[in-house]
Amino acid sequence: MQAKSKQIRDLLGMYPMDPDWSIPSMVDKNPLIWMLEVNGLIIDVRQAPREFQEAAFRKGLIPYIPDA
């Protein structure tokens, strides 16, 4: 059974905490959804200035602008 599930994950290109396979209620808890590369550094956009969050939202990089 485990080998078959690995085949399915490989076929679908899935990996742990894959944002494409997150259910809506878990979006806040999935750190990969909020990680962005800015000037070569990976940042959590929830900790970034509001203007960065707004730009990321307009580009479709994050699902919504988090509350401050």
PDB file of N, CA and C in Angstrom:
ATOM      1  N   MET A   1       0.823  -1.191   0.000  1.00  0.00           N
ATOM      2  CA  MET A   1       0.000   0.000   0.000  1.00  0.00           C
ATOM      3  C   MET A   1       0.873   1.264   0.000  1.00  0.00           C
ATOM      4  N   GLN A   2       1.936   1.270   0.787  1.00  0.00           N
ATOM      5  CA  GLN A   2       2.797   2.443   0.859  1.00  0.00           C
ATOM      6  C   GLN A   2       3.503   2.692  -0.479  1.00  0.00           C
ATOM      7  N   ALA A   3       3.927   1.627  -1.141  1.00  0.00           N
ATOM      8  CA  ALA A   3       4.581   1.784  -2.440  1.00  0.00           C
ATOM      9  C   ALA A   3       3.616   2.368  -3.461  1.00  0.00           C
ATOM     10  N   LYS A   4       2.368   1.949  -3.404  1.00  0.00           N
ATOM     11  CA  LYS A   4       1.358   2.462  -4.339  1.00  0.00           C
ATOM     12  C   LYS A   4       1.098   3.947  -4.061  1.00  0.00           C
ATOM     13  N   SER A   5       1.049   4.338  -2.788  1.00  0.00           N
ATOM     14  CA  SER A   5       0.814   5.750  -2.483  1.00  0.00           C
ATOM     15  C   SER A   5       1.996   6.606  -2.956  1.00  0.00           C
ATOM     16  N   LYS A   6       3.203   6.092  -2.875  1.00  0.00           N
ATOM     17  CA  LYS A   6       4.381   6.812  -3.391  1.00  0.00           C
ATOM     18  C   LYS A   6       4.265   6.989  -4.895  1.00  0.00           C
ATOM     19  N   GLN A   7       3.815   5.967  -5.588  1.00  0.00           N
ATOM     20  CA  GLN A   7       3.626   6.080  -7.043  1.00  0.00           C
ATOM     21  C   GLN A   7       2.629   7.187  -7.370  1.00  0.00           C
ATOM     22  N   ILE A   8       1.547   7.240  -6.615  1.00  0.00           N
ATOM     23  CA  ILE A   8       0.517   8.251  -6.855  1.00  0.00           C
ATOM     24  C   ILE A   8       1.072   9.647  -6.579  1.00  0.00           C
ATOM     25  N   ARG A   9       1.797   9.811  -5.459  1.00  0.00           N
ATOM     26  CA  ARG A   9       2.401  11.112  -5.143  1.00  0.00           C
ATOM     27  C   ARG A   9       3.380  11.539  -6.225  1.00  0.00           C
ATOM     28  N   ASP A  10       4.200  10.608  -6.689  1.00  0.00           N
ATOM     29  CA  ASP A  10       5.164  10.922  -7.748  1.00  0.00           C
ATOM     30  C   ASP A  10       4.462  11.289  -9.047  1.00  0.00           C
ATOM     31  N   LEU A  11       3.421  10.556  -9.379  1.00  0.00           N
ATOM     32  CA  LEU A  11       2.661  10.814 -10.602  1.00  0.00           C
ATOM     33  C   LEU A  11       2.031  12.207 -10.585  1.00  0.00           C
ATOM     34  N   LEU A  12       1.500  12.599  -9.421  1.00  0.00           N
ATOM     35  CA  LEU A  12       0.850  13.900  -9.295  1.00  0.00           C
ATOM     36  C   LEU A  12       1.810  15.025  -8.927  1.00  0.00           C
ATOM     37  N   GLY A  13       3.079  14.681  -8.673  1.00  0.00           N
ATOM     38  CA  GLY A  13       4.067  15.698  -8.316  1.00  0.00           C
ATOM     39  C   GLY A  13       3.803  16.307  -6.949  1.00  0.00           C
ATOM     40  N   MET A  14       3.289  15.522  -6.019  1.00  0.00           N
ATOM     41  CA  MET A  14       2.958  16.015  -4.679  1.00  0.00           C
ATOM     42  C   MET A  14       4.162  15.920  -3.747  1.00  0.00           C
ATOM     43  N   TYR A  15       4.196  16.805  -2.766  1.00  0.00           N
ATOM     44  CA  TYR A  15       5.217  16.781  -1.727  1.00  0.00           C
ATOM     45  C   TYR A  15       4.568  17.279  -0.434  1.00  0.00           C
ATOM     46  N   PRO A  16       5.203  17.047   0.721  1.00  0.00           N
ATOM     47  CA  PRO A  16       4.602  17.476   1.985  1.00  0.00           C
ATOM     48  C   PRO A  16       4.311  18.975   2.000  1.00  0.00           C
ATOM     49  N   MET A  17       3.138  19.322   2.479  1.00  0.00           N
ATOM     50  CA  MET A  17       2.671  20.706   2.616  1.00  0.00           C
ATOM     51  C   MET A  17       2.543  21.416   1.269  1.00  0.00           C
ATOM     52  N   ASP A  18       2.295  20.681   0.209  1.00  0.00           N
ATOM     53  CA  ASP A  18       2.142  21.239  -1.131  1.00  0.00           C
ATOM     54  C   ASP A  18       0.968  22.221  -1.138  1.00  0.00           C
ATOM     55  N   PRO A  19       1.206  23.511  -1.436  1.00  0.00           N
ATOM     56  CA  PRO A  19       0.118  24.487  -1.436  1.00  0.00           C
ATOM     57  C   PRO A  19      -1.017  24.149  -2.405  1.00  0.00           C
ATOM     58  N   ASP A  20      -0.694  23.473  -3.505  1.00  0.00           N
ATOM     59  CA  ASP A  20      -1.732  23.123  -4.468  1.00  0.00           C
ATOM     60  C   ASP A  20      -2.730  22.106  -3.921  1.00  0.00           C
ATOM     61  N   TRP A  21      -2.345  21.376  -2.886  1.00  0.00           N
ATOM     62  CA  TRP A  21      -3.201  20.332  -2.331  1.00  0.00           C
ATOM     63  C   TRP A  21      -3.674  20.673  -0.917  1.00  0.00           C
ATOM     64  N   SER A  22      -3.533  21.923  -0.493  1.00  0.00           N
ATOM     65  CA  SER A  22      -3.992  22.338   0.834  1.00  0.00           C
ATOM     66  C   SER A  22      -5.487  22.639   0.790  1.00  0.00           C
ATOM     67  N   ILE A  23      -6.177  22.206   1.817  1.00  0.00           N
ATOM     68  CA  ILE A  23      -7.603  22.542   1.912  1.00  0.00           C
ATOM     69  C   ILE A  23      -7.716  23.969   2.454  1.00  0.00           C
ATOM     70  N   PRO A  24      -8.780  24.683   2.111  1.00  0.00           N
ATOM     71  CA  PRO A  24      -8.905  26.093   2.507  1.00  0.00           C
ATOM     72  C   PRO A  24      -8.756  26.345   4.010  1.00  0.00           C
ATOM     73  N   SER A  25      -9.229  25.439   4.832  1.00  0.00           N
ATOM     74  CA  SER A  25      -9.138  25.657   6.277  1.00  0.00           C
ATOM     75  C   SER A  25      -7.709  25.549   6.805  1.00  0.00           C
ATOM     76  N   MET A  26      -6.775  25.034   6.011  1.00  0.00           N
ATOM     77  CA  MET A  26      -5.392  24.874   6.453  1.00  0.00           C
ATOM     78  C   MET A  26      -4.448  25.908   5.835  1.00  0.00           C
ATOM     79  N   VAL A  27      -4.953  26.831   5.047  1.00  0.00           N
ATOM     80  CA  VAL A  27      -4.106  27.827   4.379  1.00  0.00           C
ATOM     81  C   VAL A  27      -3.280  28.623   5.389  1.00  0.00           C
ATOM     82  N   ASP A  28      -3.895  29.025   6.500  1.00  0.00           N
ATOM     83  CA  ASP A  28      -3.180  29.813   7.505  1.00  0.00           C
ATOM     84  C   ASP A  28      -2.045  29.040   8.155  1.00  0.00           C
ATOM     85  N   LYS A  29      -2.162  27.738   8.214  1.00  0.00           N
ATOM     86  CA  LYS A  29      -1.171  26.906   8.902  1.00  0.00           C
ATOM     87  C   LYS A  29      -0.091  26.357   7.979  1.00  0.00           C
ATOM     88  N   ASN A  30      -0.204  26.579   6.685  1.00  0.00           N
ATOM     89  CA  ASN A  30       0.773  26.053   5.727  1.00  0.00           C
ATOM     90  C   ASN A  30       1.817  27.124   5.415  1.00  0.00           C
ATOM     91  N   PRO A  31       3.031  26.991   5.961  1.00  0.00           N
ATOM     92  CA  PRO A  31       4.038  28.035   5.755  1.00  0.00           C
ATOM     93  C   PRO A  31       4.497  28.179   4.312  1.00  0.00           C
ATOM     94  N   LEU A  32       4.386  27.138   3.504  1.00  0.00           N
ATOM     95  CA  LEU A  32       4.858  27.235   2.123  1.00  0.00           C
ATOM     96  C   LEU A  32       4.021  28.197   1.285  1.00  0.00           C
ATOM     97  N   ILE A  33       2.777  28.397   1.659  1.00  0.00           N
ATOM     98  CA  ILE A  33       1.921  29.330   0.923  1.00  0.00           C
ATOM     99  C   ILE A  33       2.418  30.761   1.097  1.00  0.00           C
ATOM    100  N   TRP A  34       3.026  31.046   2.241  1.00  0.00           N
ATOM    101  CA  TRP A  34       3.405  32.413   2.585  1.00  0.00           C
ATOM    102  C   TRP A  34       4.872  32.727   2.327  1.00  0.00           C
ATOM    103  N   MET A  35       5.649  31.766   1.844  1.00  0.00           N
ATOM    104  CA  MET A  35       7.071  32.002   1.594  1.00  0.00           C
ATOM    105  C   MET A  35       7.284  32.554   0.182  1.00  0.00           C
ATOM    106  N   LEU A  36       8.006  33.659   0.092  1.00  0.00           N
ATOM    107  CA  LEU A  36       8.320  34.274  -1.196  1.00  0.00           C
ATOM    108  C   LEU A  36       9.803  34.623  -1.234  1.00  0.00           C
ATOM    109  N   GLU A  37      10.349  34.634  -2.433  1.00  0.00           N
ATOM    110  CA  GLU A  37      11.742  35.035  -2.604  1.00  0.00           C
ATOM    111  C   GLU A  37      11.785  36.517  -2.971  1.00  0.00           C
ATOM    112  N   VAL A  38      12.505  37.295  -2.163  1.00  0.00           N
ATOM    113  CA  VAL A  38      12.661  38.732  -2.394  1.00  0.00           C
ATOM    114  C   VAL A  38      14.153  39.038  -2.379  1.00  0.00           C
ATOM    115  N   ASN A  39      14.663  39.511  -3.504  1.00  0.00           N
ATOM    116  CA  ASN A  39      16.090  39.824  -3.638  1.00  0.00           C
ATOM    117  C   ASN A  39      16.977  38.648  -3.235  1.00  0.00           C
ATOM    118  N   GLY A  40      16.564  37.458  -3.598  1.00  0.00           N
ATOM    119  CA  GLY A  40      17.364  36.268  -3.325  1.00  0.00           C
ATOM    120  C   GLY A  40      17.172  35.669  -1.944  1.00  0.00           C
ATOM    121  N   LEU A  41      16.358  36.284  -1.095  1.00  0.00           N
ATOM    122  CA  LEU A  41      16.098  35.777   0.247  1.00  0.00           C
ATOM    123  C   LEU A  41      14.666  35.264   0.348  1.00  0.00           C
ATOM    124  N   ILE A  42      14.486  34.164   1.050  1.00  0.00           N
ATOM    125  CA  ILE A  42      13.145  33.630   1.288  1.00  0.00           C
ATOM    126  C   ILE A  42      12.586  34.322   2.523  1.00  0.00           C
ATOM    127  N   ILE A  43      11.402  34.936   2.384  1.00  0.00           N
ATOM    128  CA  ILE A  43      10.770  35.603   3.524  1.00  0.00           C
ATOM    129  C   ILE A  43       9.352  35.076   3.696  1.00  0.00           C
ATOM    130  N   ASP A  44       8.847  35.220   4.919  1.00  0.00           N
ATOM    131  CA  ASP A  44       7.438  34.948   5.206  1.00  0.00           C
ATOM    132  C   ASP A  44       6.711  36.256   4.959  1.00  0.00           C
ATOM    133  N   VAL A  45       5.905  36.304   3.923  1.00  0.00           N
ATOM    134  CA  VAL A  45       5.266  37.556   3.514  1.00  0.00           C
ATOM    135  C   VAL A  45       4.317  38.079   4.595  1.00  0.00           C
ATOM    136  N   ARG A  46       3.891  37.234   5.525  1.00  0.00           N
ATOM    137  CA  ARG A  46       3.042  37.707   6.619  1.00  0.00           C
ATOM    138  C   ARG A  46       3.803  38.666   7.529  1.00  0.00           C
ATOM    139  N   GLN A  47       5.136  38.598   7.537  1.00  0.00           N
ATOM    140  CA  GLN A  47       5.956  39.478   8.358  1.00  0.00           C
ATOM    141  C   GLN A  47       6.482  40.674   7.562  1.00  0.00           C
ATOM    142  N   ALA A  48       6.175  40.729   6.281  1.00  0.00           N
ATOM    143  CA  ALA A  48       6.668  41.798   5.402  1.00  0.00           C
ATOM    144  C   ALA A  48       5.784  43.041   5.544  1.00  0.00           C
ATOM    145  N   PRO A  49       6.295  44.185   5.098  1.00  0.00           N
ATOM    146  CA  PRO A  49       5.470  45.406   5.103  1.00  0.00           C
ATOM    147  C   PRO A  49       4.209  45.222   4.246  1.00  0.00           C
ATOM    148  N   ARG A  50       3.201  45.966   4.589  1.00  0.00           N
ATOM    149  CA  ARG A  50       1.892  45.862   3.928  1.00  0.00           C
ATOM    150  C   ARG A  50       2.012  46.047   2.404  1.00  0.00           C
ATOM    151  N   GLU A  51       2.871  46.953   1.949  1.00  0.00           N
ATOM    152  CA  GLU A  51       3.010  47.195   0.504  1.00  0.00           C
ATOM    153  C   GLU A  51       3.505  45.946  -0.219  1.00  0.00           C
ATOM    154  N   PHE A  52       4.395  45.152   0.411  1.00  0.00           N
ATOM    155  CA  PHE A  52       4.852  43.887  -0.181  1.00  0.00           C
ATOM    156  C   PHE A  52       3.700  42.902  -0.262  1.00  0.00           C
ATOM    157  N   GLN A  53       2.900  42.849   0.811  1.00  0.00           N
ATOM    158  CA  GLN A  53       1.758  41.938   0.841  1.00  0.00           C
ATOM    159  C   GLN A  53       0.752  42.286  -0.256  1.00  0.00           C
ATOM    160  N   GLU A  54       0.487  43.570  -0.425  1.00  0.00           N
ATOM    161  CA  GLU A  54      -0.463  44.004  -1.451  1.00  0.00           C
ATOM    162  C   GLU A  54       0.057  43.665  -2.847  1.00  0.00           C
ATOM    163  N   ALA A  55       1.349  43.885  -3.083  1.00  0.00           N
ATOM    164  CA  ALA A  55       1.931  43.570  -4.388  1.00  0.00           C
ATOM    165  C   ALA A  55       1.876  42.061  -4.654  1.00  0.00           C
ATOM    166  N   ALA A  56       2.193  41.261  -3.644  1.00  0.00           N
ATOM    167  CA  ALA A  56       2.152  39.798  -3.796  1.00  0.00           C
ATOM    168  C   ALA A  56       0.728  39.330  -4.068  1.00  0.00           C
ATOM    169  N   PHE A  57      -0.252  39.940  -3.420  1.00  0.00           N
ATOM    170  CA  PHE A  57      -1.653  39.575  -3.655  1.00  0.00           C
ATOM    171  C   PHE A  57      -2.082  39.939  -5.074  1.00  0.00           C
ATOM    172  N   ARG A  58      -1.714  41.136  -5.533  1.00  0.00           N
ATOM    173  CA  ARG A  58      -2.072  41.560  -6.895  1.00  0.00           C
ATOM    174  C   ARG A  58      -1.486  40.614  -7.945  1.00  0.00           C
ATOM    175  N   LYS A  59      -0.283  40.092  -7.664  1.00  0.00           N
ATOM    176  CA  LYS A  59       0.361  39.171  -8.605  1.00  0.00           C
ATOM    177  C   LYS A  59      -0.142  37.732  -8.463  1.00  0.00           C
ATOM    178  N   GLY A  60      -1.003  37.491  -7.479  1.00  0.00           N
ATOM    179  CA  GLY A  60      -1.555  36.164  -7.293  1.00  0.00           C
ATOM    180  C   GLY A  60      -0.604  35.207  -6.577  1.00  0.00           C
ATOM    181  N   LEU A  61       0.378  35.745  -5.860  1.00  0.00           N
ATOM    182  CA  LEU A  61       1.362  34.908  -5.178  1.00  0.00           C
ATOM    183  C   LEU A  61       0.881  34.428  -3.810  1.00  0.00           C
ATOM    184  N   ILE A  62      -0.053  35.162  -3.204  1.00  0.00           N
ATOM    185  CA  ILE A  62      -0.642  34.766  -1.927  1.00  0.00           C
ATOM    186  C   ILE A  62      -2.154  34.800  -2.051  1.00  0.00           C
ATOM    187  N   PRO A  63      -2.875  33.998  -1.262  1.00  0.00           N
ATOM    188  CA  PRO A  63      -4.334  33.907  -1.433  1.00  0.00           C
ATOM    189  C   PRO A  63      -5.104  35.123  -0.933  1.00  0.00           C
ATOM    190  N   TYR A  64      -4.580  35.831   0.051  1.00  0.00           N
ATOM    191  CA  TYR A  64      -5.218  37.027   0.581  1.00  0.00           C
ATOM    192  C   TYR A  64      -4.187  37.842   1.354  1.00  0.00           C
ATOM    193  N   ILE A  65      -4.538  39.081   1.709  1.00  0.00           N
ATOM    194  CA  ILE A  65      -3.639  39.926   2.493  1.00  0.00           C
ATOM    195  C   ILE A  65      -3.927  39.622   3.961  1.00  0.00           C
ATOM    196  N   PRO A  66      -2.926  39.114   4.680  1.00  0.00           N
ATOM    197  CA  PRO A  66      -3.161  38.746   6.082  1.00  0.00           C
ATOM    198  C   PRO A  66      -3.397  39.971   6.952  1.00  0.00           C
ATOM    199  N   ASP A  67      -4.168  39.791   8.031  1.00  0.00           N
ATOM    200  CA  ASP A  67      -4.407  40.867   8.989  1.00  0.00           C
ATOM    201  C   ASP A  67      -3.129  41.191   9.736  1.00  0.00           C
ATOM    202  N   ALA A  68      -2.988  42.445  10.087  1.00  0.00           N
ATOM    203  CA  ALA A  68      -1.782  42.879  10.825  1.00  0.00           C
ATOM    204  C   ALA A  68      -1.870  42.523  12.285  1.00  0.00           C
TER     205      ALA A  68
END
